[in-house]
Amino acid sequence: MADRLTREKRSWNMSHIRSKDTGIEVKVRKFLFSKGYRYRKNDSKLPGKPD
């Protein structure tokens, strides 16, 4: 499958992808922690891994 974007545009897009610890994720984690919920964020015992 041919890429529709130019090399420069693809590079720009990929450089702006931030998939970890976004502001909303941090706020949700802090809220849950303050309410007494305890959990592990990256536990190897859980099924599934990102690609």
N, C-alpha and C. Protein backbone atom coordinates (compact mmCIF):
# COMPACT_ATOMS: atom_id res chain seq x y z
N MET A 1 0.85 -1.17 0.00
CA MET A 1 0.00 0.00 0.00
C MET A 1 0.89 1.23 0.00
N ALA A 2 0.66 2.12 -0.90
CA ALA A 2 1.45 3.35 -1.01
C ALA A 2 1.05 4.34 0.07
N ASP A 3 2.02 5.07 0.54
CA ASP A 3 1.77 6.08 1.55
C ASP A 3 1.23 7.35 0.88
N ARG A 4 0.15 7.89 1.40
CA ARG A 4 -0.45 9.08 0.80
C ARG A 4 0.26 10.37 1.21
N LEU A 5 1.03 10.31 2.28
CA LEU A 5 1.69 11.50 2.78
C LEU A 5 3.14 11.57 2.30
N THR A 6 3.63 12.78 2.24
CA THR A 6 5.05 12.94 1.89
C THR A 6 5.90 12.49 3.07
N ARG A 7 7.14 12.26 2.82
CA ARG A 7 8.06 11.83 3.87
C ARG A 7 8.12 12.86 5.01
N GLU A 8 8.13 14.15 4.65
CA GLU A 8 8.20 15.21 5.66
C GLU A 8 6.92 15.28 6.50
N LYS A 9 5.77 15.16 5.83
CA LYS A 9 4.49 15.22 6.55
C LYS A 9 4.32 14.01 7.47
N ARG A 10 4.71 12.83 7.01
CA ARG A 10 4.65 11.63 7.85
C ARG A 10 5.55 11.79 9.07
N SER A 11 6.73 12.32 8.87
CA SER A 11 7.67 12.54 9.97
C SER A 11 7.08 13.53 10.98
N TRP A 12 6.47 14.60 10.48
CA TRP A 12 5.86 15.58 11.37
C TRP A 12 4.73 14.95 12.17
N ASN A 13 3.86 14.18 11.50
CA ASN A 13 2.74 13.52 12.19
C ASN A 13 3.24 12.60 13.30
N MET A 14 4.21 11.78 12.98
CA MET A 14 4.70 10.80 13.95
C MET A 14 5.41 11.49 15.12
N SER A 15 6.05 12.61 14.88
CA SER A 15 6.75 13.30 15.96
C SER A 15 5.79 13.98 16.93
N HIS A 16 4.54 14.16 16.53
CA HIS A 16 3.56 14.81 17.39
C HIS A 16 2.62 13.84 18.08
N ILE A 17 2.85 12.56 17.95
CA ILE A 17 2.02 11.56 18.62
C ILE A 17 2.60 11.31 20.00
N ARG A 18 1.82 11.59 21.01
CA ARG A 18 2.23 11.36 22.39
C ARG A 18 1.21 10.41 23.02
N SER A 19 1.57 9.16 23.17
CA SER A 19 0.58 8.19 23.61
C SER A 19 0.66 7.86 25.10
N LYS A 20 1.68 8.35 25.80
CA LYS A 20 1.80 8.00 27.21
C LYS A 20 1.69 9.23 28.08
N ASP A 21 1.02 9.06 29.21
CA ASP A 21 0.93 10.09 30.24
C ASP A 21 0.41 11.42 29.73
N THR A 22 -0.71 11.36 29.05
CA THR A 22 -1.35 12.60 28.63
C THR A 22 -1.94 13.27 29.86
N GLY A 23 -2.25 14.54 29.75
CA GLY A 23 -2.77 15.29 30.89
C GLY A 23 -4.00 14.65 31.51
N ILE A 24 -4.93 14.21 30.68
CA ILE A 24 -6.15 13.61 31.21
C ILE A 24 -5.86 12.28 31.91
N GLU A 25 -4.92 11.51 31.39
CA GLU A 25 -4.56 10.24 32.04
C GLU A 25 -3.98 10.48 33.43
N VAL A 26 -3.12 11.47 33.55
CA VAL A 26 -2.51 11.79 34.84
C VAL A 26 -3.58 12.26 35.83
N LYS A 27 -4.51 13.10 35.36
CA LYS A 27 -5.58 13.58 36.25
C LYS A 27 -6.46 12.44 36.73
N VAL A 28 -6.79 11.51 35.83
CA VAL A 28 -7.63 10.37 36.22
C VAL A 28 -6.90 9.49 37.22
N ARG A 29 -5.61 9.24 36.98
CA ARG A 29 -4.84 8.42 37.92
C ARG A 29 -4.75 9.07 39.29
N LYS A 30 -4.51 10.38 39.32
CA LYS A 30 -4.43 11.09 40.61
C LYS A 30 -5.77 11.06 41.33
N PHE A 31 -6.86 11.21 40.58
CA PHE A 31 -8.18 11.16 41.18
C PHE A 31 -8.46 9.78 41.78
N LEU A 32 -8.19 8.73 41.00
CA LEU A 32 -8.43 7.38 41.50
C LEU A 32 -7.56 7.08 42.72
N PHE A 33 -6.31 7.51 42.69
CA PHE A 33 -5.41 7.28 43.82
C PHE A 33 -5.92 8.00 45.06
N SER A 34 -6.42 9.22 44.88
CA SER A 34 -6.93 9.99 46.02
C SER A 34 -8.17 9.36 46.62
N LYS A 35 -8.92 8.60 45.81
CA LYS A 35 -10.12 7.92 46.29
C LYS A 35 -9.82 6.54 46.88
N GLY A 36 -8.54 6.16 46.90
CA GLY A 36 -8.17 4.91 47.54
C GLY A 36 -7.97 3.73 46.61
N TYR A 37 -8.09 3.94 45.31
CA TYR A 37 -7.88 2.85 44.37
C TYR A 37 -6.38 2.67 44.14
N ARG A 38 -5.91 1.43 44.30
CA ARG A 38 -4.50 1.15 44.09
C ARG A 38 -4.38 0.14 42.96
N TYR A 39 -3.44 0.37 42.07
CA TYR A 39 -3.27 -0.51 40.92
C TYR A 39 -1.86 -0.33 40.37
N ARG A 40 -1.47 -1.25 39.53
CA ARG A 40 -0.18 -1.14 38.85
C ARG A 40 -0.45 -0.77 37.40
N LYS A 41 0.29 0.21 36.92
CA LYS A 41 0.05 0.71 35.58
C LYS A 41 0.58 -0.24 34.51
N ASN A 42 1.76 -0.79 34.70
CA ASN A 42 2.38 -1.67 33.70
C ASN A 42 2.75 -3.00 34.35
N ASP A 43 1.76 -3.81 34.60
CA ASP A 43 1.98 -5.09 35.27
C ASP A 43 2.15 -6.19 34.21
N SER A 44 3.27 -6.89 34.26
CA SER A 44 3.54 -7.93 33.25
C SER A 44 2.64 -9.14 33.43
N LYS A 45 1.96 -9.26 34.54
CA LYS A 45 1.06 -10.39 34.77
C LYS A 45 -0.25 -10.25 34.01
N LEU A 46 -0.57 -9.04 33.58
CA LEU A 46 -1.82 -8.82 32.85
C LEU A 46 -1.65 -9.19 31.38
N PRO A 47 -2.72 -9.67 30.75
CA PRO A 47 -2.62 -10.05 29.34
C PRO A 47 -2.57 -8.85 28.42
N GLY A 48 -1.97 -9.05 27.27
CA GLY A 48 -1.94 -8.02 26.24
C GLY A 48 -0.74 -7.10 26.36
N LYS A 49 -0.23 -6.69 25.23
CA LYS A 49 0.87 -5.76 25.18
C LYS A 49 0.64 -4.82 24.00
N PRO A 50 1.09 -3.58 24.12
CA PRO A 50 0.93 -2.69 22.97
C PRO A 50 1.84 -3.13 21.82
N ASP A 51 1.49 -2.75 20.59
CA ASP A 51 2.29 -3.19 19.46
C ASP A 51 3.45 -2.28 19.21
